[in-house]
Amino acid sequence: MTKRKVIIDTDPGHDDAMAIMLAVKSSILDILALTTVCGNSTIENTTRNARYILNLLGRNDIPVYSGAEKPLKKDLVLAIVHGISGLDGIDPQNDSKLTGNASEKIIELVKNNPDEITIITLGPLTNIATAIQRNPSIMKRVKEIISMGGAIKVAGNKNRVAEFNFFVDPEAAKIVFDFSVKKTLIPLDVCNEVRLSIDDFKKIKNDVIRKDLLKMVIPFSKNTRKNEGPTGVMMYDVLAVFSFLRSETTTTNDYDIKIETKGDLTSGMSVADLRLKSEKNNNVTVVEKISKKFFRQYFINALNKR
């Protein structure tokens, strides 16, 4: 079976780390690169964390290219739930080895693999927006952009209406959503409905990752419960990877979505046209339902692979 080519743009982050684990362990993706962006933590931390996870998985052959150290226009706002290191519980000490060329590498890879690469974005969209600004004609040859972000019919988790990734860099999100390329969105609406318990993680017996995985998810669960409310381990970014791996198991709908960049109370809001009688120019497919039972079993089975 021909593996599907992907670039994972990420800001690890506990859920990013688990998403990378799932992508690698699925064994059906040709991961051309991890590109890192500031968001959950600083670019130094997110890049270091990405390298740590790849080393843990024995996949140092996957290149890591660091990217934006700040949003396009705003000051950087860091997440709280991932701790100072971005991977509270593990706190990696390896070298970041910043390259600073993520957007250039994205353009290069797309140019060399036209219409073949899916970009899975797990953080703010700064790197992708920068690549679009630098070379829109080549970026038109991206097969699809799959993003964890936004909130369609639920409250935001960073302000009243905005999800964290879009709040951090709303200008970047607007550039990507206004760009004419196939897009799929995994918003808070569905992410809020799919959580795993610590007992679920204890079913992962792969001794290569089990110890570090449990060290990660216990503080992540406590931090999200304290700051965002729900019990259990939130699987935000993991669901973006899963939705690509097993898209046939998801329920989707197409929407016309614009990104708010100017509102004092609504900056970063993903504004969907929900009017029944409206001329809609749908620009994104939104994942609206994921089977928690199927996802749980798939995730556990994948991470148990040696």
C-alpha atoms as a PDB file:
ATOM      1  CA  MET A   1       0.000   0.000   0.000  1.00  0.00           C
ATOM      2  CA  THR A   2       1.332   3.423  -0.958  1.00  0.00           C
ATOM      3  CA  LYS A   3       1.766   5.580   2.127  1.00  0.00           C
ATOM      4  CA  ARG A   4       0.085   8.983   2.153  1.00  0.00           C
ATOM      5  CA  LYS A   5       2.505  11.909   2.253  1.00  0.00           C
ATOM      6  CA  VAL A   6       2.059  14.379   5.091  1.00  0.00           C
ATOM      7  CA  ILE A   7       3.715  17.328   6.757  1.00  0.00           C
ATOM      8  CA  ILE A   8       2.754  17.783  10.404  1.00  0.00           C
ATOM      9  CA  ASP A   9       2.887  21.411  11.557  1.00  0.00           C
ATOM     10  CA  THR A  10       2.893  21.344  15.330  1.00  0.00           C
ATOM     11  CA  ASP A  11       3.538  23.087  18.661  1.00  0.00           C
ATOM     12  CA  PRO A  12       4.030  20.206  21.161  1.00  0.00           C
ATOM     13  CA  GLY A  13       2.107  20.302  23.646  1.00  0.00           C
ATOM     14  CA  HIS A  14       0.823  17.076  25.224  1.00  0.00           C
ATOM     15  CA  ASP A  15      -1.911  16.416  22.689  1.00  0.00           C
ATOM     16  CA  ASP A  16       0.469  17.288  19.839  1.00  0.00           C
ATOM     17  CA  ALA A  17       2.921  14.732  21.206  1.00  0.00           C
ATOM     18  CA  MET A  18       0.222  12.052  21.260  1.00  0.00           C
ATOM     19  CA  ALA A  19      -0.878  13.054  17.752  1.00  0.00           C
ATOM     20  CA  ILE A  20       2.684  12.565  16.516  1.00  0.00           C
ATOM     21  CA  MET A  21       2.762   9.176  18.244  1.00  0.00           C
ATOM     22  CA  LEU A  22      -0.451   8.128  16.499  1.00  0.00           C
ATOM     23  CA  ALA A  23       0.767   9.369  13.114  1.00  0.00           C
ATOM     24  CA  VAL A  24       4.018   7.402  13.423  1.00  0.00           C
ATOM     25  CA  LYS A  25       2.475   4.270  14.915  1.00  0.00           C
ATOM     26  CA  SER A  26      -0.278   4.112  12.295  1.00  0.00           C
ATOM     27  CA  SER A  27       2.433   2.939   9.863  1.00  0.00           C
ATOM     28  CA  ILE A  28       0.409   4.226   6.893  1.00  0.00           C
ATOM     29  CA  LEU A  29       1.805   7.748   6.634  1.00  0.00           C
ATOM     30  CA  ASP A  30       4.933   8.958   4.904  1.00  0.00           C
ATOM     31  CA  ILE A  31       5.810  11.796   7.277  1.00  0.00           C
ATOM     32  CA  LEU A  32       8.022  14.065   5.199  1.00  0.00           C
ATOM     33  CA  ALA A  33       8.698  16.506   8.034  1.00  0.00           C
ATOM     34  CA  LEU A  34       7.582  17.975  11.316  1.00  0.00           C
ATOM     35  CA  THR A  35       7.484  21.760  11.163  1.00  0.00           C
ATOM     36  CA  THR A  36       7.281  23.526  14.499  1.00  0.00           C
ATOM     37  CA  VAL A  37       5.565  26.748  15.462  1.00  0.00           C
ATOM     38  CA  CYS A  38       5.204  28.797  18.628  1.00  0.00           C
ATOM     39  CA  GLY A  39       1.890  28.390  20.411  1.00  0.00           C
ATOM     40  CA  ASN A  40       1.523  26.001  23.302  1.00  0.00           C
ATOM     41  CA  SER A  41       5.035  27.068  24.268  1.00  0.00           C
ATOM     42  CA  THR A  42       7.989  28.970  22.832  1.00  0.00           C
ATOM     43  CA  ILE A  43       9.545  27.875  19.544  1.00  0.00           C
ATOM     44  CA  GLU A  44      12.563  26.593  21.475  1.00  0.00           C
ATOM     45  CA  ASN A  45      10.354  24.377  23.622  1.00  0.00           C
ATOM     46  CA  THR A  46       8.021  23.155  20.890  1.00  0.00           C
ATOM     47  CA  THR A  47      10.943  22.224  18.646  1.00  0.00           C
ATOM     48  CA  ARG A  48      12.792  20.502  21.465  1.00  0.00           C
ATOM     49  CA  ASN A  49       9.633  18.616  22.387  1.00  0.00           C
ATOM     50  CA  ALA A  50       9.058  17.502  18.796  1.00  0.00           C
ATOM     51  CA  ARG A  51      12.601  16.127  18.610  1.00  0.00           C
ATOM     52  CA  TYR A  52      12.152  14.402  21.975  1.00  0.00           C
ATOM     53  CA  ILE A  53       9.017  12.571  20.839  1.00  0.00           C
ATOM     54  CA  LEU A  54      10.601  11.445  17.564  1.00  0.00           C
ATOM     55  CA  ASN A  55      13.618  10.165  19.496  1.00  0.00           C
ATOM     56  CA  LEU A  56      11.306   8.302  21.874  1.00  0.00           C
ATOM     57  CA  LEU A  57       9.652   6.667  18.867  1.00  0.00           C
ATOM     58  CA  GLY A  58      12.978   5.809  17.233  1.00  0.00           C
ATOM     59  CA  ARG A  59      12.150   8.060  14.261  1.00  0.00           C
ATOM     60  CA  ASN A  60      14.980  10.565  14.158  1.00  0.00           C
ATOM     61  CA  ASP A  61      14.963  10.021  10.394  1.00  0.00           C
ATOM     62  CA  ILE A  62      11.969  12.366  10.186  1.00  0.00           C
ATOM     63  CA  PRO A  63      13.353  15.894   9.750  1.00  0.00           C
ATOM     64  CA  VAL A  64      12.278  18.692  12.081  1.00  0.00           C
ATOM     65  CA  TYR A  65      12.243  22.257  10.788  1.00  0.00           C
ATOM     66  CA  SER A  66      11.505  25.053  13.236  1.00  0.00           C
ATOM     67  CA  GLY A  67       9.406  27.981  12.149  1.00  0.00           C
ATOM     68  CA  ALA A  68       7.660  31.045  13.520  1.00  0.00           C
ATOM     69  CA  GLU A  69       8.744  32.287  16.920  1.00  0.00           C
ATOM     70  CA  LYS A  70       5.848  34.735  17.113  1.00  0.00           C
ATOM     71  CA  PRO A  71       2.467  35.295  15.421  1.00  0.00           C
ATOM     72  CA  LEU A  72       2.215  37.448  12.288  1.00  0.00           C
ATOM     73  CA  LYS A  73       1.026  40.562  14.148  1.00  0.00           C
ATOM     74  CA  LYS A  74       0.139  39.814  17.762  1.00  0.00           C
ATOM     75  CA  ASP A  75       2.348  39.205  20.767  1.00  0.00           C
ATOM     76  CA  LEU A  76       2.666  35.513  21.568  1.00  0.00           C
ATOM     77  CA  VAL A  77       0.194  34.163  24.126  1.00  0.00           C
ATOM     78  CA  LEU A  78       1.287  30.799  25.555  1.00  0.00           C
ATOM     79  CA  ALA A  79      -0.980  28.002  26.728  1.00  0.00           C
ATOM     80  CA  ILE A  80      -1.272  27.288  30.434  1.00  0.00           C
ATOM     81  CA  VAL A  81      -2.309  23.629  30.441  1.00  0.00           C
ATOM     82  CA  HIS A  82       0.987  22.298  29.038  1.00  0.00           C
ATOM     83  CA  GLY A  83       3.191  23.815  31.740  1.00  0.00           C
ATOM     84  CA  ILE A  84       6.353  25.868  31.328  1.00  0.00           C
ATOM     85  CA  SER A  85       8.132  23.257  29.193  1.00  0.00           C
ATOM     86  CA  GLY A  86       5.166  22.509  26.952  1.00  0.00           C
ATOM     87  CA  LEU A  87       5.346  18.890  28.100  1.00  0.00           C
ATOM     88  CA  ASP A  88       4.673  19.146  31.813  1.00  0.00           C
ATOM     89  CA  GLY A  89       5.532  15.822  33.456  1.00  0.00           C
ATOM     90  CA  ILE A  90       8.423  15.051  31.133  1.00  0.00           C
ATOM     91  CA  ASP A  91      10.149  18.439  30.766  1.00  0.00           C
ATOM     92  CA  PRO A  92      12.645  17.367  28.063  1.00  0.00           C
ATOM     93  CA  GLN A  93      16.189  18.697  28.259  1.00  0.00           C
ATOM     94  CA  ASN A  94      17.432  17.865  24.763  1.00  0.00           C
ATOM     95  CA  ASP A  95      18.678  20.541  22.344  1.00  0.00           C
ATOM     96  CA  SER A  96      16.095  22.387  20.245  1.00  0.00           C
ATOM     97  CA  LYS A  97      18.410  22.682  17.184  1.00  0.00           C
ATOM     98  CA  LEU A  98      16.386  25.511  15.679  1.00  0.00           C
ATOM     99  CA  THR A  99      16.546  25.807  11.889  1.00  0.00           C
ATOM    100  CA  GLY A 100      14.170  28.738  11.367  1.00  0.00           C
ATOM    101  CA  ASN A 101      13.151  27.590   7.886  1.00  0.00           C
ATOM    102  CA  ALA A 102       9.814  25.793   8.293  1.00  0.00           C
ATOM    103  CA  SER A 103       7.863  27.811   5.711  1.00  0.00           C
ATOM    104  CA  GLU A 104      10.661  27.486   3.148  1.00  0.00           C
ATOM    105  CA  LYS A 105      10.782  23.729   3.662  1.00  0.00           C
ATOM    106  CA  ILE A 106       6.998  23.447   3.356  1.00  0.00           C
ATOM    107  CA  ILE A 107       7.172  25.240  -0.008  1.00  0.00           C
ATOM    108  CA  GLU A 108      10.084  23.055  -1.124  1.00  0.00           C
ATOM    109  CA  LEU A 109       8.357  19.821  -0.194  1.00  0.00           C
ATOM    110  CA  VAL A 110       5.100  20.825  -1.886  1.00  0.00           C
ATOM    111  CA  LYS A 111       7.002  21.894  -4.998  1.00  0.00           C
ATOM    112  CA  ASN A 112       8.717  18.505  -5.142  1.00  0.00           C
ATOM    113  CA  ASN A 113       5.473  16.601  -4.461  1.00  0.00           C
ATOM    114  CA  PRO A 114       2.690  18.572  -6.187  1.00  0.00           C
ATOM    115  CA  ASP A 115      -0.881  17.531  -5.334  1.00  0.00           C
ATOM    116  CA  GLU A 116       0.405  14.751  -3.072  1.00  0.00           C
ATOM    117  CA  ILE A 117       0.976  16.331   0.349  1.00  0.00           C
ATOM    118  CA  THR A 118      -1.601  16.754   3.101  1.00  0.00           C
ATOM    119  CA  ILE A 119      -0.566  19.270   5.749  1.00  0.00           C
ATOM    120  CA  ILE A 120      -1.905  18.428   9.202  1.00  0.00           C
ATOM    121  CA  THR A 121      -1.814  21.509  11.425  1.00  0.00           C
ATOM    122  CA  LEU A 122      -1.917  21.093  15.188  1.00  0.00           C
ATOM    123  CA  GLY A 123      -1.051  24.621  16.305  1.00  0.00           C
ATOM    124  CA  PRO A 124      -1.391  28.236  15.206  1.00  0.00           C
ATOM    125  CA  LEU A 125      -1.317  28.573  11.419  1.00  0.00           C
ATOM    126  CA  THR A 126       1.619  30.998  11.238  1.00  0.00           C
ATOM    127  CA  ASN A 127       3.956  28.741   9.241  1.00  0.00           C
ATOM    128  CA  ILE A 128       1.274  27.817   6.717  1.00  0.00           C
ATOM    129  CA  ALA A 129       0.156  31.427   6.256  1.00  0.00           C
ATOM    130  CA  THR A 130       3.773  32.510   5.767  1.00  0.00           C
ATOM    131  CA  ALA A 131       4.283  29.823   3.121  1.00  0.00           C
ATOM    132  CA  ILE A 132       1.110  30.972   1.338  1.00  0.00           C
ATOM    133  CA  GLN A 133       2.265  34.593   1.393  1.00  0.00           C
ATOM    134  CA  ARG A 134       5.702  33.672   0.061  1.00  0.00           C
ATOM    135  CA  ASN A 135       4.600  31.373  -2.737  1.00  0.00           C
ATOM    136  CA  PRO A 136       0.837  31.089  -3.274  1.00  0.00           C
ATOM    137  CA  SER A 137       1.184  29.340  -6.638  1.00  0.00           C
ATOM    138  CA  ILE A 138       3.137  26.438  -5.167  1.00  0.00           C
ATOM    139  CA  MET A 139       0.923  26.270  -2.082  1.00  0.00           C
ATOM    140  CA  LYS A 140      -2.064  25.827  -4.402  1.00  0.00           C
ATOM    141  CA  ARG A 141      -0.559  22.392  -5.075  1.00  0.00           C
ATOM    142  CA  VAL A 142      -1.161  21.226  -1.481  1.00  0.00           C
ATOM    143  CA  LYS A 143      -3.552  18.292  -1.612  1.00  0.00           C
ATOM    144  CA  GLU A 144      -5.377  19.249   1.610  1.00  0.00           C
ATOM    145  CA  ILE A 145      -4.914  21.144   4.859  1.00  0.00           C
ATOM    146  CA  ILE A 146      -6.357  19.430   7.927  1.00  0.00           C
ATOM    147  CA  SER A 147      -6.483  21.666  10.997  1.00  0.00           C
ATOM    148  CA  MET A 148      -7.362  21.283  14.629  1.00  0.00           C
ATOM    149  CA  GLY A 149      -8.864  24.641  15.492  1.00  0.00           C
ATOM    150  CA  GLY A 150     -11.900  26.821  15.766  1.00  0.00           C
ATOM    151  CA  ALA A 151     -15.226  26.612  17.543  1.00  0.00           C
ATOM    152  CA  ILE A 152     -18.380  26.554  15.436  1.00  0.00           C
ATOM    153  CA  LYS A 153     -21.376  26.203  17.756  1.00  0.00           C
ATOM    154  CA  VAL A 154     -19.665  26.010  21.160  1.00  0.00           C
ATOM    155  CA  ALA A 155     -17.794  28.404  23.437  1.00  0.00           C
ATOM    156  CA  GLY A 156     -14.137  29.147  22.873  1.00  0.00           C
ATOM    157  CA  ASN A 157     -11.412  27.886  25.169  1.00  0.00           C
ATOM    158  CA  LYS A 158      -9.271  31.042  25.031  1.00  0.00           C
ATOM    159  CA  ASN A 159     -11.835  33.795  24.872  1.00  0.00           C
ATOM    160  CA  ARG A 160     -15.627  33.634  24.773  1.00  0.00           C
ATOM    161  CA  VAL A 161     -15.766  32.427  21.194  1.00  0.00           C
ATOM    162  CA  ALA A 162     -12.251  31.583  19.980  1.00  0.00           C
ATOM    163  CA  GLU A 163     -10.303  28.343  20.162  1.00  0.00           C
ATOM    164  CA  PHE A 164      -6.648  28.681  21.257  1.00  0.00           C
ATOM    165  CA  ASN A 165      -4.869  28.062  17.929  1.00  0.00           C
ATOM    166  CA  PHE A 166      -6.920  30.650  16.064  1.00  0.00           C
ATOM    167  CA  PHE A 167      -6.786  33.092  18.993  1.00  0.00           C
ATOM    168  CA  VAL A 168      -2.977  33.004  19.072  1.00  0.00           C
ATOM    169  CA  ASP A 169      -2.663  34.030  15.413  1.00  0.00           C
ATOM    170  CA  PRO A 170      -6.003  35.064  13.919  1.00  0.00           C
ATOM    171  CA  GLU A 171      -4.339  36.834  10.970  1.00  0.00           C
ATOM    172  CA  ALA A 172      -2.634  33.576   9.975  1.00  0.00           C
ATOM    173  CA  ALA A 173      -5.881  31.636  10.317  1.00  0.00           C
ATOM    174  CA  LYS A 174      -7.634  34.187   8.096  1.00  0.00           C
ATOM    175  CA  ILE A 175      -4.964  33.860   5.390  1.00  0.00           C
ATOM    176  CA  VAL A 176      -5.319  30.074   5.379  1.00  0.00           C
ATOM    177  CA  PHE A 177      -9.125  30.085   5.399  1.00  0.00           C
ATOM    178  CA  ASP A 178      -9.254  32.652   2.611  1.00  0.00           C
ATOM    179  CA  PHE A 179      -6.858  30.556   0.507  1.00  0.00           C
ATOM    180  CA  SER A 180      -8.440  28.378  -2.150  1.00  0.00           C
ATOM    181  CA  VAL A 181      -7.269  24.888  -1.252  1.00  0.00           C
ATOM    182  CA  LYS A 182      -9.138  21.908   0.177  1.00  0.00           C
ATOM    183  CA  LYS A 183      -9.480  22.242   3.950  1.00  0.00           C
ATOM    184  CA  THR A 184     -10.856  20.091   6.750  1.00  0.00           C
ATOM    185  CA  LEU A 185     -11.410  21.435  10.258  1.00  0.00           C
ATOM    186  CA  ILE A 186     -11.582  19.556  13.560  1.00  0.00           C
ATOM    187  CA  PRO A 187     -13.111  22.157  15.921  1.00  0.00           C
ATOM    188  CA  LEU A 188     -13.755  22.253  19.651  1.00  0.00           C
ATOM    189  CA  ASP A 189     -17.313  21.103  18.995  1.00  0.00           C
ATOM    190  CA  VAL A 190     -16.176  17.536  18.328  1.00  0.00           C
ATOM    191  CA  CYS A 191     -13.018  17.677  20.455  1.00  0.00           C
ATOM    192  CA  ASN A 192     -15.060  18.454  23.561  1.00  0.00           C
ATOM    193  CA  GLU A 193     -16.957  15.198  23.082  1.00  0.00           C
ATOM    194  CA  VAL A 194     -13.972  12.818  22.876  1.00  0.00           C
ATOM    195  CA  ARG A 195     -11.861  12.326  25.988  1.00  0.00           C
ATOM    196  CA  LEU A 196      -9.923   9.366  27.316  1.00  0.00           C
ATOM    197  CA  SER A 197      -9.430   8.338  30.918  1.00  0.00           C
ATOM    198  CA  ILE A 198      -6.147   7.571  32.658  1.00  0.00           C
ATOM    199  CA  ASP A 199      -7.332   3.956  32.752  1.00  0.00           C
ATOM    200  CA  ASP A 200      -7.526   4.011  28.948  1.00  0.00           C
ATOM    201  CA  PHE A 201      -3.863   5.026  28.797  1.00  0.00           C
ATOM    202  CA  LYS A 202      -2.920   2.263  31.218  1.00  0.00           C
ATOM    203  CA  LYS A 203      -4.072  -0.209  28.545  1.00  0.00           C
ATOM    204  CA  ILE A 204      -1.104   0.857  26.437  1.00  0.00           C
ATOM    205  CA  LYS A 205       1.512  -1.733  27.313  1.00  0.00           C
ATOM    206  CA  ASN A 206       4.202  -0.727  24.802  1.00  0.00           C
ATOM    207  CA  ASP A 207       7.090  -0.251  27.241  1.00  0.00           C
ATOM    208  CA  VAL A 208       8.930   2.059  24.824  1.00  0.00           C
ATOM    209  CA  ILE A 209       6.381   4.836  25.279  1.00  0.00           C
ATOM    210  CA  ARG A 210       4.180   3.784  28.223  1.00  0.00           C
ATOM    211  CA  LYS A 211       6.249   5.408  30.977  1.00  0.00           C
ATOM    212  CA  ASP A 212       6.586   8.788  29.274  1.00  0.00           C
ATOM    213  CA  LEU A 213       2.997   8.717  28.067  1.00  0.00           C
ATOM    214  CA  LEU A 214       1.641   8.308  31.596  1.00  0.00           C
ATOM    215  CA  LYS A 215       4.012  11.008  32.846  1.00  0.00           C
ATOM    216  CA  MET A 216       2.479  13.324  30.244  1.00  0.00           C
ATOM    217  CA  VAL A 217      -1.214  12.642  30.476  1.00  0.00           C
ATOM    218  CA  ILE A 218      -1.601  12.786  34.263  1.00  0.00           C
ATOM    219  CA  PRO A 219      -0.534  16.459  34.639  1.00  0.00           C
ATOM    220  CA  PHE A 220      -2.225  17.356  31.326  1.00  0.00           C
ATOM    221  CA  SER A 221      -5.497  15.946  32.618  1.00  0.00           C
ATOM    222  CA  LYS A 222      -5.166  17.857  35.893  1.00  0.00           C
ATOM    223  CA  ASN A 223      -4.248  21.099  34.160  1.00  0.00           C
ATOM    224  CA  THR A 224      -7.093  20.967  31.645  1.00  0.00           C
ATOM    225  CA  ARG A 225      -9.586  20.118  34.366  1.00  0.00           C
ATOM    226  CA  LYS A 226      -8.395  23.067  36.418  1.00  0.00           C
ATOM    227  CA  ASN A 227      -8.344  25.550  33.513  1.00  0.00           C
ATOM    228  CA  GLU A 228     -11.013  24.307  31.102  1.00  0.00           C
ATOM    229  CA  GLY A 229     -13.428  22.216  33.149  1.00  0.00           C
ATOM    230  CA  PRO A 230     -13.946  18.768  31.572  1.00  0.00           C
ATOM    231  CA  THR A 231     -12.656  15.632  33.248  1.00  0.00           C
ATOM    232  CA  GLY A 232     -10.507  13.156  31.357  1.00  0.00           C
ATOM    233  CA  VAL A 233      -7.660  13.647  28.916  1.00  0.00           C
ATOM    234  CA  MET A 234      -8.514  16.013  26.068  1.00  0.00           C
ATOM    235  CA  MET A 235      -7.397  14.603  22.706  1.00  0.00           C
ATOM    236  CA  TYR A 236      -7.671  17.732  20.553  1.00  0.00           C
ATOM    237  CA  ASP A 237      -4.763  17.320  18.111  1.00  0.00           C
ATOM    238  CA  VAL A 238      -4.899  13.540  18.171  1.00  0.00           C
ATOM    239  CA  LEU A 239      -8.361  13.779  16.619  1.00  0.00           C
ATOM    240  CA  ALA A 240      -6.974  15.740  13.683  1.00  0.00           C
ATOM    241  CA  VAL A 241      -4.560  12.914  12.870  1.00  0.00           C
ATOM    242  CA  PHE A 242      -7.240  10.297  13.486  1.00  0.00           C
ATOM    243  CA  SER A 243      -9.701  12.120  11.213  1.00  0.00           C
ATOM    244  CA  PHE A 244      -7.174  11.884   8.409  1.00  0.00           C
ATOM    245  CA  LEU A 245      -6.289   8.252   9.091  1.00  0.00           C
ATOM    246  CA  ARG A 246      -9.894   7.091   9.363  1.00  0.00           C
ATOM    247  CA  SER A 247     -11.958   9.761   7.629  1.00  0.00           C
ATOM    248  CA  GLU A 248     -14.575   7.172   6.664  1.00  0.00           C
ATOM    249  CA  THR A 249     -15.537   6.853  10.340  1.00  0.00           C
ATOM    250  CA  THR A 250     -16.266  10.557  10.818  1.00  0.00           C
ATOM    251  CA  THR A 251     -19.382  12.610  10.097  1.00  0.00           C
ATOM    252  CA  THR A 252     -18.766  15.909   8.304  1.00  0.00           C
ATOM    253  CA  ASN A 253     -20.547  18.936   6.915  1.00  0.00           C
ATOM    254  CA  ASP A 254     -19.390  21.795   4.683  1.00  0.00           C
ATOM    255  CA  TYR A 255     -19.446  25.389   5.920  1.00  0.00           C
ATOM    256  CA  ASP A 256     -18.641  28.922   4.837  1.00  0.00           C
ATOM    257  CA  ILE A 257     -16.252  30.075   7.564  1.00  0.00           C
ATOM    258  CA  LYS A 258     -14.488  33.403   8.011  1.00  0.00           C
ATOM    259  CA  ILE A 259     -11.946  34.258  10.710  1.00  0.00           C
ATOM    260  CA  GLU A 260     -12.451  37.354  12.854  1.00  0.00           C
ATOM    261  CA  THR A 261      -9.252  39.376  13.367  1.00  0.00           C
ATOM    262  CA  LYS A 262     -10.468  42.763  14.668  1.00  0.00           C
ATOM    263  CA  GLY A 263     -13.079  42.218  17.365  1.00  0.00           C
ATOM    264  CA  ASP A 264     -12.116  43.186  20.918  1.00  0.00           C
ATOM    265  CA  LEU A 265     -14.187  40.305  22.272  1.00  0.00           C
ATOM    266  CA  THR A 266     -14.129  38.003  19.259  1.00  0.00           C
ATOM    267  CA  SER A 267     -10.572  37.972  17.905  1.00  0.00           C
ATOM    268  CA  GLY A 268      -9.820  34.512  16.523  1.00  0.00           C
ATOM    269  CA  MET A 269     -13.461  33.495  16.228  1.00  0.00           C
ATOM    270  CA  SER A 270     -14.265  31.078  13.398  1.00  0.00           C
ATOM    271  CA  VAL A 271     -17.500  32.594  12.131  1.00  0.00           C
ATOM    272  CA  ALA A 272     -19.616  30.061  10.262  1.00  0.00           C
ATOM    273  CA  ASP A 273     -22.568  31.152   8.151  1.00  0.00           C
ATOM    274  CA  LEU A 274     -25.359  29.221   9.872  1.00  0.00           C
ATOM    275  CA  ARG A 275     -28.242  31.037   8.194  1.00  0.00           C
ATOM    276  CA  LEU A 276     -30.710  28.754   6.455  1.00  0.00           C
ATOM    277  CA  LYS A 277     -31.388  31.166   3.610  1.00  0.00           C
ATOM    278  CA  SER A 278     -28.011  32.437   2.552  1.00  0.00           C
ATOM    279  CA  GLU A 279     -25.776  32.348  -0.499  1.00  0.00           C
ATOM    280  CA  LYS A 280     -22.995  30.261   0.974  1.00  0.00           C
ATOM    281  CA  ASN A 281     -19.534  29.843  -0.466  1.00  0.00           C
ATOM    282  CA  ASN A 282     -18.475  26.827   1.566  1.00  0.00           C
ATOM    283  CA  ASN A 283     -14.707  26.773   2.043  1.00  0.00           C
ATOM    284  CA  VAL A 284     -14.110  24.073   4.628  1.00  0.00           C
ATOM    285  CA  THR A 285     -15.302  20.592   5.587  1.00  0.00           C
ATOM    286  CA  VAL A 286     -15.964  20.400   9.316  1.00  0.00           C
ATOM    287  CA  VAL A 287     -15.748  17.150  11.270  1.00  0.00           C
ATOM    288  CA  GLU A 288     -18.884  17.090  13.419  1.00  0.00           C
ATOM    289  CA  LYS A 289     -18.852  13.607  14.906  1.00  0.00           C
ATOM    290  CA  ILE A 290     -16.246  11.010  15.874  1.00  0.00           C
ATOM    291  CA  SER A 291     -17.079   7.693  17.514  1.00  0.00           C
ATOM    292  CA  LYS A 292     -15.408   7.820  20.931  1.00  0.00           C
ATOM    293  CA  LYS A 293     -15.525   4.026  21.213  1.00  0.00           C
ATOM    294  CA  PHE A 294     -13.900   3.442  17.824  1.00  0.00           C
ATOM    295  CA  PHE A 295     -11.306   6.181  18.363  1.00  0.00           C
ATOM    296  CA  ARG A 296     -10.351   4.838  21.801  1.00  0.00           C
ATOM    297  CA  GLN A 297      -9.737   1.334  20.485  1.00  0.00           C
ATOM    298  CA  TYR A 298      -7.875   2.538  17.401  1.00  0.00           C
ATOM    299  CA  PHE A 299      -5.612   4.816  19.455  1.00  0.00           C
ATOM    300  CA  ILE A 300      -4.793   2.147  22.034  1.00  0.00           C
ATOM    301  CA  ASN A 301      -4.134  -0.502  19.386  1.00  0.00           C
ATOM    302  CA  ALA A 302      -1.917   1.806  17.337  1.00  0.00           C
ATOM    303  CA  LEU A 303       0.240   2.855  20.278  1.00  0.00           C
ATOM    304  CA  ASN A 304       0.595  -0.755  21.376  1.00  0.00           C
ATOM    305  CA  LYS A 305       2.363  -1.598  18.103  1.00  0.00           C
ATOM    306  CA  ARG A 306       6.049  -2.424  18.555  1.00  0.00           C
END
